[in-house]
């Protein structure tokens, strides 16, 4: 499940991922998080934890960039806030909302799609894949394919490392990340 949801983040194609972890121990994730990656529990649930995994640099660039920053401020996020302030605010939003819609902006979904989802209440979308698309379906299809390539690459790595004596997790702290970030589009 971690491969399915986190590969695009760990390979540098997506700023963040949100997923349910079927345990109440978030320390399980620390063994494969490369430098520059953060993780926070946004909600404790009966079946475990709802976890937000992110690439710090990519997420900071995403949420502090206009017009996304302005949109988040318009939704109640503190003006001029840093990434850590925005993440703390998002975490508080999860306390009283099952899934605040603006989380899509943190996950790297296009602004038009997040605003379209809010405006249309999840209906009248042009395409449904990783998210519901209200803007450019062709651009979204390219992103969906890129995320799938990340998952396939990570799954292939794990299949290839089984029984070979190599590390089970490809993103150990001592392994260079840039080589793993290369994702081939074909």
N, C-alpha and C. Protein backbone atom coordinates (compact mmCIF):
# COMPACT_ATOMS: atom_id res chain seq x y z
N UNK A 1 0.82 -1.18 0.00
CA UNK A 1 0.00 0.00 0.00
C UNK A 1 0.87 1.25 0.00
N UNK A 2 1.97 1.23 0.71
CA UNK A 2 2.87 2.38 0.73
C UNK A 2 3.41 2.65 -0.67
N UNK A 3 3.77 1.58 -1.39
CA UNK A 3 4.25 1.75 -2.76
C UNK A 3 3.16 2.40 -3.61
N UNK A 4 1.95 1.91 -3.49
CA UNK A 4 0.84 2.43 -4.31
C UNK A 4 0.62 3.92 -4.10
N UNK A 5 0.65 4.36 -2.86
CA UNK A 5 0.32 5.75 -2.57
C UNK A 5 1.52 6.68 -2.51
N UNK A 6 2.68 6.18 -2.17
CA UNK A 6 3.82 7.06 -1.91
C UNK A 6 4.89 7.09 -2.99
N UNK A 7 4.89 6.14 -3.91
CA UNK A 7 5.93 6.11 -4.94
C UNK A 7 6.08 7.43 -5.67
N UNK A 8 4.99 8.08 -6.12
CA UNK A 8 5.17 9.35 -6.81
C UNK A 8 5.83 10.43 -5.95
N UNK A 9 5.63 10.39 -4.65
CA UNK A 9 6.27 11.36 -3.75
C UNK A 9 7.74 10.99 -3.58
N UNK A 10 8.02 9.73 -3.30
CA UNK A 10 9.38 9.28 -3.05
C UNK A 10 10.27 9.38 -4.28
N UNK A 11 9.67 9.35 -5.46
CA UNK A 11 10.45 9.47 -6.69
C UNK A 11 10.41 10.88 -7.26
N UNK A 12 9.87 11.83 -6.51
CA UNK A 12 9.95 13.24 -6.89
C UNK A 12 8.96 13.72 -7.92
N UNK A 13 7.86 13.02 -8.11
CA UNK A 13 6.86 13.41 -9.11
C UNK A 13 5.64 14.09 -8.51
N UNK A 14 5.53 14.11 -7.20
CA UNK A 14 4.34 14.61 -6.53
C UNK A 14 4.77 15.16 -5.17
N UNK A 15 4.19 16.28 -4.72
CA UNK A 15 4.66 16.85 -3.47
C UNK A 15 4.23 16.09 -2.21
N UNK A 16 3.11 15.38 -2.26
CA UNK A 16 2.62 14.74 -1.04
C UNK A 16 1.65 13.62 -1.36
N UNK A 17 1.43 12.77 -0.37
CA UNK A 17 0.46 11.69 -0.47
C UNK A 17 -0.28 11.59 0.86
N UNK A 18 -1.52 11.16 0.77
CA UNK A 18 -2.36 10.95 1.95
C UNK A 18 -2.83 9.51 1.88
N UNK A 19 -2.61 8.75 2.96
CA UNK A 19 -3.00 7.34 2.92
C UNK A 19 -3.28 6.83 4.32
N UNK A 20 -4.04 5.76 4.39
CA UNK A 20 -4.36 5.12 5.67
C UNK A 20 -3.30 4.06 5.94
N UNK A 21 -2.81 4.06 7.15
CA UNK A 21 -1.83 3.09 7.59
C UNK A 21 -2.50 2.21 8.65
N UNK A 22 -2.54 0.94 8.42
CA UNK A 22 -3.26 0.01 9.28
C UNK A 22 -2.55 -0.33 10.57
N UNK A 23 -1.92 0.64 11.17
CA UNK A 23 -1.24 0.47 12.45
C UNK A 23 -1.32 1.79 13.20
N UNK A 24 -1.07 1.76 14.47
CA UNK A 24 -1.04 3.02 15.21
C UNK A 24 0.39 3.45 15.51
N UNK A 25 1.35 2.89 14.78
CA UNK A 25 2.76 3.22 14.96
C UNK A 25 3.32 3.89 13.71
N UNK A 26 3.37 5.23 13.68
CA UNK A 26 3.91 5.91 12.50
C UNK A 26 5.40 5.69 12.32
N UNK A 27 6.09 5.18 13.35
CA UNK A 27 7.52 4.91 13.25
C UNK A 27 7.85 3.88 12.18
N UNK A 28 6.86 3.11 11.77
CA UNK A 28 7.03 2.13 10.71
C UNK A 28 7.54 2.78 9.43
N UNK A 29 7.17 4.01 9.20
CA UNK A 29 7.53 4.71 7.97
C UNK A 29 8.96 5.24 7.96
N UNK A 30 9.54 5.46 9.13
CA UNK A 30 10.84 6.13 9.20
C UNK A 30 11.96 5.35 8.52
N UNK A 31 11.83 4.07 8.36
CA UNK A 31 12.88 3.27 7.76
C UNK A 31 13.08 3.48 6.27
N UNK A 32 12.11 4.08 5.59
CA UNK A 32 12.28 4.25 4.16
C UNK A 32 12.17 5.69 3.71
N UNK A 33 12.06 6.62 4.63
CA UNK A 33 11.92 8.02 4.24
C UNK A 33 13.28 8.63 3.99
N UNK A 34 13.53 9.07 2.76
CA UNK A 34 14.82 9.69 2.46
C UNK A 34 14.90 11.09 3.05
N UNK A 35 16.10 11.64 3.12
CA UNK A 35 16.25 13.01 3.62
C UNK A 35 15.37 13.96 2.81
N UNK A 36 14.80 14.94 3.49
CA UNK A 36 13.95 15.91 2.81
C UNK A 36 12.50 15.50 2.75
N UNK A 37 12.20 14.32 3.29
CA UNK A 37 10.83 13.83 3.31
C UNK A 37 10.28 13.96 4.72
N UNK A 38 9.03 14.41 4.82
CA UNK A 38 8.39 14.54 6.12
C UNK A 38 7.13 13.70 6.19
N UNK A 39 6.67 13.49 7.39
CA UNK A 39 5.49 12.66 7.60
C UNK A 39 4.76 13.18 8.82
N UNK A 40 3.44 13.29 8.73
CA UNK A 40 2.66 13.66 9.91
C UNK A 40 1.35 12.90 9.91
N UNK A 41 0.92 12.57 11.10
CA UNK A 41 -0.37 11.91 11.28
C UNK A 41 -1.41 13.02 11.30
N UNK A 42 -2.40 12.93 10.41
CA UNK A 42 -3.45 13.94 10.39
C UNK A 42 -4.69 13.49 11.14
N UNK A 43 -4.82 12.18 11.34
CA UNK A 43 -5.95 11.68 12.12
C UNK A 43 -5.67 10.27 12.60
N UNK A 44 -6.06 10.01 13.83
CA UNK A 44 -6.06 8.65 14.36
C UNK A 44 -7.44 8.09 14.11
N UNK A 45 -7.50 6.88 13.56
CA UNK A 45 -8.76 6.24 13.21
C UNK A 45 -8.84 4.89 13.89
N UNK A 46 -10.01 4.29 13.86
CA UNK A 46 -10.17 2.96 14.47
C UNK A 46 -9.23 1.95 13.83
N UNK A 47 -9.08 2.04 12.52
CA UNK A 47 -8.28 1.06 11.79
C UNK A 47 -6.80 1.46 11.69
N UNK A 48 -6.38 2.53 12.35
CA UNK A 48 -4.98 2.95 12.27
C UNK A 48 -4.84 4.44 12.17
N UNK A 49 -3.99 4.87 11.27
CA UNK A 49 -3.66 6.28 11.14
C UNK A 49 -3.91 6.78 9.72
N UNK A 50 -4.29 8.04 9.61
CA UNK A 50 -4.34 8.72 8.32
C UNK A 50 -3.06 9.55 8.27
N UNK A 51 -2.21 9.25 7.31
CA UNK A 51 -0.85 9.80 7.26
C UNK A 51 -0.67 10.69 6.04
N UNK A 52 0.03 11.79 6.24
CA UNK A 52 0.37 12.73 5.18
C UNK A 52 1.89 12.67 5.02
N UNK A 53 2.37 12.14 3.90
CA UNK A 53 3.79 12.02 3.60
C UNK A 53 4.14 13.07 2.56
N UNK A 54 5.26 13.76 2.71
CA UNK A 54 5.55 14.85 1.77
C UNK A 54 7.04 15.05 1.55
N UNK A 55 7.34 15.58 0.38
CA UNK A 55 8.67 16.04 0.01
C UNK A 55 8.70 17.51 0.40
N UNK A 56 9.51 17.86 1.40
CA UNK A 56 9.49 19.22 1.96
C UNK A 56 9.71 20.30 0.91
N UNK A 57 10.74 20.18 0.11
CA UNK A 57 11.06 21.23 -0.86
C UNK A 57 9.96 21.36 -1.91
N UNK A 58 9.49 20.24 -2.41
CA UNK A 58 8.46 20.29 -3.45
C UNK A 58 7.14 20.83 -2.88
N UNK A 59 6.79 20.42 -1.68
CA UNK A 59 5.55 20.90 -1.08
C UNK A 59 5.64 22.39 -0.76
N UNK A 60 6.77 22.82 -0.26
CA UNK A 60 6.93 24.25 0.03
C UNK A 60 6.77 25.07 -1.24
N UNK A 61 7.40 24.64 -2.32
CA UNK A 61 7.27 25.34 -3.59
C UNK A 61 5.82 25.34 -4.06
N UNK A 62 5.11 24.26 -3.84
CA UNK A 62 3.72 24.14 -4.27
C UNK A 62 2.80 25.06 -3.50
N UNK A 63 2.81 24.99 -2.18
CA UNK A 63 1.81 25.73 -1.40
C UNK A 63 2.16 27.19 -1.16
N UNK A 64 3.42 27.56 -1.28
CA UNK A 64 3.78 28.95 -1.07
C UNK A 64 3.83 29.75 -2.37
N UNK A 65 3.56 29.09 -3.47
CA UNK A 65 3.55 29.73 -4.78
C UNK A 65 2.17 30.33 -5.06
N UNK A 66 2.15 31.54 -5.61
CA UNK A 66 0.87 32.10 -6.05
C UNK A 66 0.47 31.36 -7.29
N UNK A 67 -0.78 31.12 -7.56
CA UNK A 67 -1.97 31.54 -6.84
C UNK A 67 -2.44 30.56 -5.75
N UNK A 68 -1.74 29.45 -5.59
CA UNK A 68 -2.16 28.47 -4.58
C UNK A 68 -2.09 29.08 -3.18
N UNK A 69 -1.01 29.78 -2.89
CA UNK A 69 -0.87 30.42 -1.59
C UNK A 69 -2.05 31.36 -1.33
N UNK A 70 -2.39 32.19 -2.30
CA UNK A 70 -3.51 33.11 -2.15
C UNK A 70 -4.83 32.38 -1.94
N UNK A 71 -5.01 31.27 -2.63
CA UNK A 71 -6.23 30.48 -2.47
C UNK A 71 -6.31 29.91 -1.06
N UNK A 72 -5.20 29.39 -0.55
CA UNK A 72 -5.19 28.83 0.80
C UNK A 72 -5.44 29.93 1.84
N UNK A 73 -4.86 31.10 1.64
CA UNK A 73 -5.11 32.22 2.56
C UNK A 73 -6.60 32.57 2.52
N UNK A 74 -7.19 32.56 1.33
CA UNK A 74 -8.62 32.81 1.19
C UNK A 74 -9.47 31.76 1.89
N UNK A 75 -8.92 30.59 2.12
CA UNK A 75 -9.63 29.51 2.82
C UNK A 75 -9.34 29.51 4.32
N UNK A 76 -8.64 30.52 4.79
CA UNK A 76 -8.40 30.64 6.22
C UNK A 76 -6.99 30.33 6.69
N UNK A 77 -6.09 29.99 5.80
CA UNK A 77 -4.70 29.74 6.18
C UNK A 77 -4.02 31.08 6.46
N UNK A 78 -3.07 31.12 7.40
CA UNK A 78 -2.45 32.40 7.78
C UNK A 78 -1.64 33.03 6.65
N UNK A 79 -1.88 34.30 6.35
CA UNK A 79 -1.10 34.97 5.32
C UNK A 79 0.38 35.03 5.73
N UNK A 80 1.24 34.81 4.78
CA UNK A 80 2.67 34.86 5.06
C UNK A 80 3.18 33.68 5.86
N UNK A 81 2.35 32.66 6.04
CA UNK A 81 2.76 31.50 6.82
C UNK A 81 3.82 30.67 6.11
N UNK A 82 4.64 30.00 6.88
CA UNK A 82 5.65 29.10 6.34
C UNK A 82 5.00 27.74 6.06
N UNK A 83 5.77 26.84 5.48
CA UNK A 83 5.25 25.50 5.23
C UNK A 83 4.81 24.85 6.53
N UNK A 84 5.60 24.96 7.58
CA UNK A 84 5.23 24.32 8.85
C UNK A 84 3.94 24.91 9.42
N UNK A 85 3.73 26.20 9.26
CA UNK A 85 2.49 26.83 9.73
C UNK A 85 1.30 26.31 8.92
N UNK A 86 1.48 26.20 7.61
CA UNK A 86 0.41 25.69 6.75
C UNK A 86 0.09 24.23 7.08
N UNK A 87 1.12 23.43 7.34
CA UNK A 87 0.90 22.02 7.67
C UNK A 87 0.17 21.88 9.01
N UNK A 88 0.53 22.71 9.99
CA UNK A 88 -0.16 22.68 11.28
C UNK A 88 -1.63 23.07 11.10
N UNK A 89 -1.89 24.04 10.25
CA UNK A 89 -3.27 24.46 9.99
C UNK A 89 -4.04 23.33 9.30
N UNK A 90 -3.41 22.69 8.32
CA UNK A 90 -4.05 21.56 7.64
C UNK A 90 -4.37 20.45 8.64
N UNK A 91 -3.44 20.16 9.52
CA UNK A 91 -3.65 19.12 10.52
C UNK A 91 -4.84 19.47 11.42
N UNK A 92 -4.97 20.73 11.81
CA UNK A 92 -6.13 21.16 12.61
C UNK A 92 -7.43 21.02 11.82
N UNK A 93 -7.38 21.28 10.52
CA UNK A 93 -8.58 21.16 9.68
C UNK A 93 -9.07 19.71 9.66
N UNK A 94 -8.15 18.77 9.71
CA UNK A 94 -8.54 17.35 9.74
C UNK A 94 -9.22 16.97 11.05
N UNK A 95 -9.04 17.76 12.08
CA UNK A 95 -9.68 17.48 13.37
C UNK A 95 -11.19 17.66 13.28
N UNK A 96 -11.65 18.59 12.46
CA UNK A 96 -13.09 18.83 12.40
C UNK A 96 -13.71 18.61 11.03
N UNK A 97 -12.93 18.19 10.07
CA UNK A 97 -13.46 17.80 8.76
C UNK A 97 -12.88 16.45 8.40
N UNK A 98 -13.70 15.59 7.83
CA UNK A 98 -13.23 14.26 7.46
C UNK A 98 -12.05 14.37 6.48
N UNK A 99 -12.22 15.18 5.46
CA UNK A 99 -11.15 15.42 4.50
C UNK A 99 -11.33 16.81 3.91
N UNK A 100 -10.61 17.80 4.44
CA UNK A 100 -10.76 19.15 3.90
C UNK A 100 -10.36 19.18 2.42
N UNK A 101 -11.20 19.79 1.61
CA UNK A 101 -11.00 19.75 0.16
C UNK A 101 -9.69 20.36 -0.30
N UNK A 102 -9.21 21.36 0.43
CA UNK A 102 -7.97 22.01 0.01
C UNK A 102 -6.76 21.09 0.13
N UNK A 103 -6.90 19.93 0.75
CA UNK A 103 -5.79 19.00 0.82
C UNK A 103 -5.31 18.64 -0.58
N UNK A 104 -6.21 18.71 -1.56
CA UNK A 104 -5.82 18.46 -2.95
C UNK A 104 -4.70 19.37 -3.42
N UNK A 105 -4.69 20.61 -2.94
CA UNK A 105 -3.61 21.53 -3.32
C UNK A 105 -2.28 21.07 -2.73
N UNK A 106 -2.31 20.57 -1.52
CA UNK A 106 -1.10 20.04 -0.88
C UNK A 106 -0.62 18.77 -1.60
N UNK A 107 -1.57 18.01 -2.14
CA UNK A 107 -1.23 16.77 -2.84
C UNK A 107 -0.74 17.01 -4.27
N UNK A 108 -0.76 18.27 -4.70
CA UNK A 108 -0.26 18.60 -6.03
C UNK A 108 -1.31 18.57 -7.12
N UNK A 109 -2.58 18.50 -6.76
CA UNK A 109 -3.63 18.52 -7.77
C UNK A 109 -3.75 19.93 -8.32
N UNK A 110 -4.07 20.08 -9.60
CA UNK A 110 -4.19 21.42 -10.18
C UNK A 110 -5.26 22.27 -9.48
N UNK A 111 -4.97 23.56 -9.37
CA UNK A 111 -5.88 24.49 -8.71
C UNK A 111 -7.27 24.46 -9.32
N UNK A 112 -7.37 24.44 -10.65
CA UNK A 112 -8.68 24.40 -11.31
C UNK A 112 -9.48 23.17 -10.90
N UNK A 113 -8.80 22.05 -10.71
CA UNK A 113 -9.49 20.82 -10.34
C UNK A 113 -9.97 20.85 -8.89
N UNK A 114 -9.15 21.39 -8.00
CA UNK A 114 -9.56 21.49 -6.59
C UNK A 114 -10.73 22.46 -6.46
N UNK A 115 -10.61 23.62 -7.09
CA UNK A 115 -11.71 24.61 -7.02
C UNK A 115 -12.96 24.08 -7.71
N UNK A 116 -12.79 23.36 -8.81
CA UNK A 116 -13.93 22.75 -9.50
C UNK A 116 -14.63 21.72 -8.63
N UNK A 117 -13.84 20.93 -7.93
CA UNK A 117 -14.42 19.92 -7.03
C UNK A 117 -15.25 20.60 -5.93
N UNK A 118 -14.71 21.67 -5.37
CA UNK A 118 -15.43 22.40 -4.32
C UNK A 118 -16.71 23.03 -4.89
N UNK A 119 -16.57 23.69 -6.01
CA UNK A 119 -17.70 24.40 -6.64
C UNK A 119 -18.81 23.44 -7.04
N UNK A 120 -18.45 22.31 -7.63
CA UNK A 120 -19.44 21.35 -8.17
C UNK A 120 -19.76 20.22 -7.19
N UNK A 121 -19.17 20.30 -6.00
CA UNK A 121 -19.41 19.30 -4.95
C UNK A 121 -19.16 17.87 -5.42
N UNK A 122 -18.09 17.71 -6.20
CA UNK A 122 -17.70 16.39 -6.66
C UNK A 122 -18.44 15.86 -7.87
N UNK A 123 -19.35 16.67 -8.43
CA UNK A 123 -20.12 16.25 -9.63
C UNK A 123 -19.63 17.01 -10.85
N UNK A 124 -20.12 16.60 -12.01
CA UNK A 124 -19.88 17.31 -13.28
C UNK A 124 -18.41 17.40 -13.67
N UNK A 125 -17.62 16.41 -13.33
CA UNK A 125 -16.20 16.42 -13.69
C UNK A 125 -16.02 15.91 -15.11
N UNK A 126 -14.88 16.24 -15.70
CA UNK A 126 -14.55 15.83 -17.07
C UNK A 126 -13.89 14.45 -17.12
N UNK A 127 -13.18 14.10 -16.05
CA UNK A 127 -12.41 12.86 -15.99
C UNK A 127 -12.18 12.52 -14.53
N UNK A 128 -12.20 11.23 -14.23
CA UNK A 128 -11.92 10.79 -12.86
C UNK A 128 -10.77 9.79 -12.91
N UNK A 129 -9.72 10.09 -12.17
CA UNK A 129 -8.56 9.21 -12.08
C UNK A 129 -8.03 9.28 -10.67
N UNK A 130 -6.82 9.75 -10.51
CA UNK A 130 -6.25 9.94 -9.18
C UNK A 130 -7.08 10.98 -8.43
N UNK A 131 -7.61 11.94 -9.15
CA UNK A 131 -8.53 12.95 -8.61
C UNK A 131 -9.57 13.23 -9.68
N UNK A 132 -10.60 14.00 -9.33
CA UNK A 132 -11.62 14.40 -10.30
C UNK A 132 -11.13 15.64 -11.03
N UNK A 133 -11.19 15.59 -12.34
CA UNK A 133 -10.63 16.64 -13.19
C UNK A 133 -11.73 17.56 -13.69
N UNK A 134 -11.54 18.85 -13.44
CA UNK A 134 -12.46 19.88 -13.91
C UNK A 134 -11.78 20.80 -14.91
N UNK A 135 -10.46 20.80 -14.93
CA UNK A 135 -9.68 21.64 -15.82
C UNK A 135 -9.28 20.88 -17.07
N UNK A 136 -7.98 20.75 -17.28
CA UNK A 136 -7.40 20.17 -18.49
C UNK A 136 -7.27 18.65 -18.36
N UNK A 137 -8.15 17.88 -19.03
CA UNK A 137 -8.08 16.42 -18.90
C UNK A 137 -6.81 15.83 -19.50
N UNK A 138 -6.27 16.43 -20.54
CA UNK A 138 -5.06 15.88 -21.16
C UNK A 138 -3.86 16.03 -20.23
N UNK A 139 -3.75 17.17 -19.59
CA UNK A 139 -2.67 17.37 -18.62
C UNK A 139 -2.82 16.38 -17.46
N UNK A 140 -4.04 16.19 -16.99
CA UNK A 140 -4.29 15.25 -15.90
C UNK A 140 -3.92 13.83 -16.32
N UNK A 141 -4.27 13.43 -17.53
CA UNK A 141 -3.92 12.08 -18.00
C UNK A 141 -2.41 11.87 -17.99
N UNK A 142 -1.66 12.90 -18.39
CA UNK A 142 -0.19 12.80 -18.36
C UNK A 142 0.31 12.61 -16.93
N UNK A 143 -0.29 13.36 -15.99
CA UNK A 143 0.12 13.21 -14.59
C UNK A 143 -0.26 11.84 -14.06
N UNK A 144 -1.43 11.36 -14.39
CA UNK A 144 -1.86 10.02 -13.95
C UNK A 144 -0.87 8.97 -14.46
N UNK A 145 -0.47 9.09 -15.74
CA UNK A 145 0.49 8.14 -16.32
C UNK A 145 1.84 8.22 -15.61
N UNK A 146 2.27 9.44 -15.30
CA UNK A 146 3.55 9.62 -14.60
C UNK A 146 3.51 8.96 -13.22
N UNK A 147 2.41 9.11 -12.51
CA UNK A 147 2.27 8.49 -11.19
C UNK A 147 2.28 6.97 -11.32
N UNK A 148 1.63 6.46 -12.34
CA UNK A 148 1.62 5.01 -12.55
C UNK A 148 3.02 4.50 -12.88
N UNK A 149 3.79 5.26 -13.66
CA UNK A 149 5.18 4.87 -13.95
C UNK A 149 5.99 4.82 -12.66
N UNK A 150 5.76 5.76 -11.76
CA UNK A 150 6.46 5.74 -10.46
C UNK A 150 6.13 4.47 -9.69
N UNK A 151 4.84 4.15 -9.64
CA UNK A 151 4.43 2.93 -8.92
C UNK A 151 5.05 1.70 -9.55
N UNK A 152 5.00 1.62 -10.87
CA UNK A 152 5.57 0.46 -11.56
C UNK A 152 7.06 0.35 -11.31
N UNK A 153 7.75 1.48 -11.32
CA UNK A 153 9.19 1.46 -11.10
C UNK A 153 9.52 0.97 -9.69
N UNK A 154 8.78 1.46 -8.72
CA UNK A 154 9.02 1.06 -7.33
C UNK A 154 8.67 -0.42 -7.13
N UNK A 155 7.55 -0.86 -7.71
CA UNK A 155 7.17 -2.28 -7.61
C UNK A 155 8.22 -3.16 -8.26
N UNK A 156 8.73 -2.73 -9.40
CA UNK A 156 9.77 -3.48 -10.09
C UNK A 156 11.03 -3.58 -9.23
N UNK A 157 11.37 -2.49 -8.58
CA UNK A 157 12.53 -2.50 -7.70
C UNK A 157 12.35 -3.53 -6.59
N UNK A 158 11.19 -3.53 -5.97
CA UNK A 158 10.95 -4.47 -4.88
C UNK A 158 10.96 -5.91 -5.37
N UNK A 159 10.36 -6.16 -6.53
CA UNK A 159 10.38 -7.52 -7.08
C UNK A 159 11.80 -7.95 -7.37
N UNK A 160 12.61 -7.04 -7.92
CA UNK A 160 14.00 -7.35 -8.27
C UNK A 160 14.89 -7.52 -7.06
N UNK A 161 14.54 -6.90 -5.94
CA UNK A 161 15.40 -6.99 -4.76
C UNK A 161 15.06 -8.19 -3.89
N UNK A 162 13.92 -8.83 -4.13
CA UNK A 162 13.53 -9.98 -3.30
C UNK A 162 14.53 -11.12 -3.50
N UNK A 163 15.14 -11.55 -2.43
CA UNK A 163 16.05 -12.69 -2.47
C UNK A 163 17.42 -12.38 -3.04
N UNK A 164 17.68 -11.14 -3.41
CA UNK A 164 18.97 -10.83 -4.02
C UNK A 164 19.99 -10.33 -3.01
N UNK A 165 19.55 -10.15 -1.76
CA UNK A 165 20.46 -9.63 -0.76
C UNK A 165 20.49 -8.12 -0.73
N UNK A 166 19.82 -7.48 -1.67
CA UNK A 166 19.77 -6.02 -1.66
C UNK A 166 18.79 -5.56 -0.60
N UNK A 167 18.87 -4.30 -0.26
CA UNK A 167 17.93 -3.72 0.71
C UNK A 167 16.52 -3.87 0.21
N UNK A 168 15.61 -4.12 1.12
CA UNK A 168 14.20 -4.24 0.76
C UNK A 168 13.59 -2.89 0.42
N UNK A 169 14.15 -1.81 0.96
CA UNK A 169 13.60 -0.49 0.71
C UNK A 169 14.60 0.33 -0.10
N UNK A 170 14.20 0.84 -1.28
CA UNK A 170 15.15 1.50 -2.16
C UNK A 170 15.54 2.90 -1.73
N UNK A 171 14.92 3.48 -0.72
CA UNK A 171 15.17 4.87 -0.40
C UNK A 171 15.81 5.04 0.97
N UNK A 172 16.76 4.19 1.29
CA UNK A 172 17.46 4.33 2.56
C UNK A 172 18.24 5.64 2.57
N UNK A 173 18.49 6.17 3.74
CA UNK A 173 19.13 7.48 3.88
C UNK A 173 20.50 7.54 3.19
N UNK A 174 21.21 6.42 3.11
CA UNK A 174 22.54 6.45 2.52
C UNK A 174 22.52 6.22 1.00
N UNK A 175 21.36 6.09 0.41
CA UNK A 175 21.27 5.87 -1.02
C UNK A 175 20.94 7.19 -1.71
N UNK A 176 21.64 7.52 -2.79
CA UNK A 176 21.38 8.81 -3.44
C UNK A 176 19.97 8.86 -4.03
N UNK A 177 19.28 9.93 -3.75
CA UNK A 177 17.90 10.08 -4.19
C UNK A 177 17.78 10.49 -5.65
N UNK A 178 18.63 11.36 -6.19
CA UNK A 178 18.41 11.80 -7.57
C UNK A 178 18.31 10.67 -8.58
N UNK A 179 19.12 9.63 -8.43
CA UNK A 179 19.04 8.52 -9.38
C UNK A 179 17.69 7.83 -9.32
N UNK A 180 17.12 7.78 -8.13
CA UNK A 180 15.82 7.14 -7.98
C UNK A 180 14.69 8.03 -8.48
N UNK A 181 14.95 9.33 -8.59
CA UNK A 181 13.92 10.26 -9.03
C UNK A 181 13.68 10.18 -10.54
N UNK A 182 14.62 9.63 -11.26
CA UNK A 182 14.43 9.54 -12.71
C UNK A 182 13.29 8.60 -13.03
N UNK A 183 12.30 9.13 -13.68
CA UNK A 183 11.16 8.34 -14.10
C UNK A 183 11.07 8.47 -15.60
N UNK A 184 10.97 7.36 -16.26
CA UNK A 184 10.98 7.37 -17.71
C UNK A 184 9.57 7.45 -18.25
N UNK A 185 9.36 8.34 -19.16
CA UNK A 185 8.04 8.48 -19.77
C UNK A 185 8.08 7.89 -21.16
N UNK A 186 7.29 6.90 -21.37
CA UNK A 186 7.24 6.30 -22.69
C UNK A 186 5.84 5.80 -22.96
